[in-house]
């Protein structure tokens, strides 16, 4: 499977600038999964910018 980094990066909502996984979704998901987190693209923008990627924070976003 080919990764289309250029296409993916246009849709990437991650604001963490030194991130080496931007546009490489499979690596991003594996990285955050390892730490019991979710990738930035699943969070609303106002929450994403806090860099709290915890699954608990993600659940609070959608359980209002």
N, C-alpha and C. Protein backbone atom coordinates (compact mmCIF):
# COMPACT_ATOMS: atom_id res chain seq x y z
N UNK A 1 0.84 -1.17 0.00
CA UNK A 1 0.00 0.00 0.00
C UNK A 1 0.89 1.24 0.00
N UNK A 2 0.58 2.15 -0.88
CA UNK A 2 1.34 3.39 -0.95
C UNK A 2 0.70 4.45 -0.08
N UNK A 3 1.54 5.23 0.56
CA UNK A 3 1.08 6.36 1.36
C UNK A 3 1.18 7.62 0.51
N UNK A 4 0.13 8.36 0.43
CA UNK A 4 0.14 9.60 -0.34
C UNK A 4 0.32 10.76 0.63
N UNK A 5 1.55 10.94 1.09
CA UNK A 5 1.85 11.93 2.11
C UNK A 5 1.43 13.34 1.70
N UNK A 6 1.65 13.70 0.46
CA UNK A 6 1.30 15.05 0.00
C UNK A 6 -0.20 15.30 0.11
N UNK A 7 -0.99 14.32 -0.26
CA UNK A 7 -2.45 14.44 -0.18
C UNK A 7 -2.90 14.42 1.29
N UNK A 8 -2.33 13.54 2.07
CA UNK A 8 -2.70 13.42 3.49
C UNK A 8 -2.35 14.68 4.28
N UNK A 9 -1.21 15.25 4.01
CA UNK A 9 -0.75 16.40 4.80
C UNK A 9 -1.67 17.61 4.61
N UNK A 10 -2.33 17.68 3.48
CA UNK A 10 -3.26 18.78 3.23
C UNK A 10 -4.48 18.70 4.15
N UNK A 11 -4.81 17.49 4.59
CA UNK A 11 -5.96 17.28 5.46
C UNK A 11 -5.58 17.11 6.93
N UNK A 12 -4.29 17.05 7.20
CA UNK A 12 -3.81 16.82 8.57
C UNK A 12 -4.08 18.04 9.44
N UNK A 13 -4.74 17.83 10.57
CA UNK A 13 -5.08 18.93 11.46
C UNK A 13 -4.13 19.07 12.64
N UNK A 14 -3.08 18.30 12.67
CA UNK A 14 -2.11 18.35 13.76
C UNK A 14 -1.36 19.68 13.73
N UNK A 15 -1.34 20.36 14.87
CA UNK A 15 -0.64 21.65 14.96
C UNK A 15 0.73 21.51 15.63
N UNK A 16 1.11 20.29 15.98
CA UNK A 16 2.42 20.07 16.60
C UNK A 16 3.48 20.11 15.49
N UNK A 17 4.16 21.23 15.38
CA UNK A 17 5.05 21.48 14.24
C UNK A 17 6.25 20.53 14.10
N UNK A 18 6.91 20.10 15.15
CA UNK A 18 8.05 19.20 14.90
C UNK A 18 7.66 17.75 14.63
N UNK A 19 6.37 17.47 14.44
CA UNK A 19 5.91 16.10 14.24
C UNK A 19 6.47 15.52 12.93
N UNK A 20 7.11 14.38 13.05
CA UNK A 20 7.70 13.72 11.88
C UNK A 20 6.70 12.80 11.18
N UNK A 21 5.51 12.64 11.77
CA UNK A 21 4.51 11.71 11.22
C UNK A 21 3.42 12.41 10.43
N UNK A 22 3.48 13.72 10.28
CA UNK A 22 2.45 14.45 9.54
C UNK A 22 2.31 13.90 8.12
N UNK A 23 1.09 13.57 7.76
CA UNK A 23 0.84 13.04 6.43
C UNK A 23 1.08 11.55 6.29
N UNK A 24 1.58 10.93 7.33
CA UNK A 24 1.83 9.48 7.32
C UNK A 24 0.90 8.88 8.36
N UNK A 25 -0.35 8.77 8.00
CA UNK A 25 -1.42 8.43 8.93
C UNK A 25 -1.18 7.12 9.67
N UNK A 26 -0.70 6.09 8.98
CA UNK A 26 -0.50 4.80 9.64
C UNK A 26 0.53 4.91 10.76
N UNK A 27 1.59 5.69 10.56
CA UNK A 27 2.59 5.88 11.60
C UNK A 27 2.03 6.71 12.75
N UNK A 28 1.23 7.69 12.43
CA UNK A 28 0.61 8.54 13.45
C UNK A 28 -0.31 7.71 14.35
N UNK A 29 -1.16 6.91 13.74
CA UNK A 29 -2.08 6.08 14.51
C UNK A 29 -1.32 5.10 15.40
N UNK A 30 -0.32 4.44 14.86
CA UNK A 30 0.47 3.49 15.65
C UNK A 30 1.17 4.18 16.81
N UNK A 31 1.72 5.36 16.57
CA UNK A 31 2.40 6.11 17.62
C UNK A 31 1.45 6.44 18.76
N UNK A 32 0.32 7.03 18.44
CA UNK A 32 -0.62 7.44 19.48
C UNK A 32 -1.26 6.24 20.17
N UNK A 33 -1.50 5.19 19.42
CA UNK A 33 -2.06 3.97 20.02
C UNK A 33 -1.12 3.40 21.08
N UNK A 34 0.17 3.46 20.80
CA UNK A 34 1.18 2.96 21.74
C UNK A 34 1.08 3.67 23.09
N UNK A 35 0.66 4.92 23.09
CA UNK A 35 0.58 5.73 24.31
C UNK A 35 -0.87 5.92 24.78
N UNK A 36 -1.78 5.06 24.29
CA UNK A 36 -3.20 5.16 24.64
C UNK A 36 -3.77 6.54 24.35
N UNK A 37 -3.44 7.03 23.18
CA UNK A 37 -3.89 8.33 22.73
C UNK A 37 -4.61 8.18 21.38
N UNK A 38 -5.17 9.28 20.92
CA UNK A 38 -5.80 9.34 19.60
C UNK A 38 -5.09 10.40 18.78
N UNK A 39 -5.07 10.28 17.46
CA UNK A 39 -4.43 11.28 16.62
C UNK A 39 -5.22 12.59 16.59
N UNK A 40 -4.55 13.66 16.27
CA UNK A 40 -5.13 15.01 16.26
C UNK A 40 -6.38 15.11 15.41
N UNK A 41 -6.43 14.39 14.31
CA UNK A 41 -7.54 14.52 13.37
C UNK A 41 -8.88 14.11 13.97
N UNK A 42 -8.89 13.44 15.11
CA UNK A 42 -10.14 13.03 15.74
C UNK A 42 -10.69 14.07 16.71
N UNK A 43 -9.91 15.10 17.01
CA UNK A 43 -10.30 16.10 17.98
C UNK A 43 -10.82 17.38 17.31
N UNK A 44 -11.77 18.06 17.95
CA UNK A 44 -12.14 19.39 17.47
C UNK A 44 -10.92 20.32 17.58
N UNK A 45 -10.83 21.31 16.73
CA UNK A 45 -9.62 22.16 16.68
C UNK A 45 -9.30 22.83 18.01
N UNK A 46 -10.31 23.26 18.76
CA UNK A 46 -10.02 23.93 20.04
C UNK A 46 -9.44 22.98 21.08
N UNK A 47 -9.70 21.70 20.95
CA UNK A 47 -9.14 20.71 21.87
C UNK A 47 -7.79 20.22 21.33
N UNK A 48 -7.69 20.06 20.03
CA UNK A 48 -6.44 19.59 19.43
C UNK A 48 -5.28 20.49 19.82
N UNK A 49 -5.51 21.78 19.87
CA UNK A 49 -4.44 22.73 20.16
C UNK A 49 -3.92 22.65 21.60
N UNK A 50 -4.60 21.88 22.47
CA UNK A 50 -4.12 21.70 23.84
C UNK A 50 -3.09 20.57 23.92
N UNK A 51 -2.99 19.79 22.86
CA UNK A 51 -2.10 18.63 22.77
C UNK A 51 -2.45 17.52 23.76
N UNK A 52 -3.65 17.58 24.36
CA UNK A 52 -4.12 16.48 25.20
C UNK A 52 -4.75 15.46 24.26
N UNK A 53 -4.01 14.43 23.93
CA UNK A 53 -4.46 13.42 22.98
C UNK A 53 -5.02 12.18 23.67
N UNK A 54 -5.26 12.29 24.97
CA UNK A 54 -5.72 11.13 25.72
C UNK A 54 -7.09 10.64 25.23
N UNK A 55 -7.31 9.34 25.40
CA UNK A 55 -8.59 8.76 25.01
C UNK A 55 -9.71 9.30 25.90
N UNK A 56 -9.37 9.62 27.15
CA UNK A 56 -10.36 10.20 28.05
C UNK A 56 -10.82 11.56 27.54
N UNK A 57 -9.88 12.36 27.07
CA UNK A 57 -10.23 13.69 26.55
C UNK A 57 -11.06 13.55 25.27
N UNK A 58 -10.72 12.59 24.45
CA UNK A 58 -11.49 12.35 23.22
C UNK A 58 -12.93 11.99 23.56
N UNK A 59 -13.11 11.12 24.56
CA UNK A 59 -14.45 10.72 24.96
C UNK A 59 -15.25 11.92 25.46
N UNK A 60 -14.61 12.81 26.20
CA UNK A 60 -15.31 14.01 26.71
C UNK A 60 -15.75 14.93 25.56
N UNK A 61 -15.04 14.90 24.47
CA UNK A 61 -15.41 15.74 23.32
C UNK A 61 -16.75 15.34 22.74
N UNK A 62 -17.06 14.08 22.81
CA UNK A 62 -18.25 13.58 22.13
C UNK A 62 -19.34 13.09 23.09
N UNK A 63 -19.08 13.15 24.38
CA UNK A 63 -20.08 12.73 25.38
C UNK A 63 -20.56 13.94 26.15
N UNK A 64 -21.16 14.88 25.46
CA UNK A 64 -21.63 16.10 26.11
C UNK A 64 -23.10 16.03 26.40
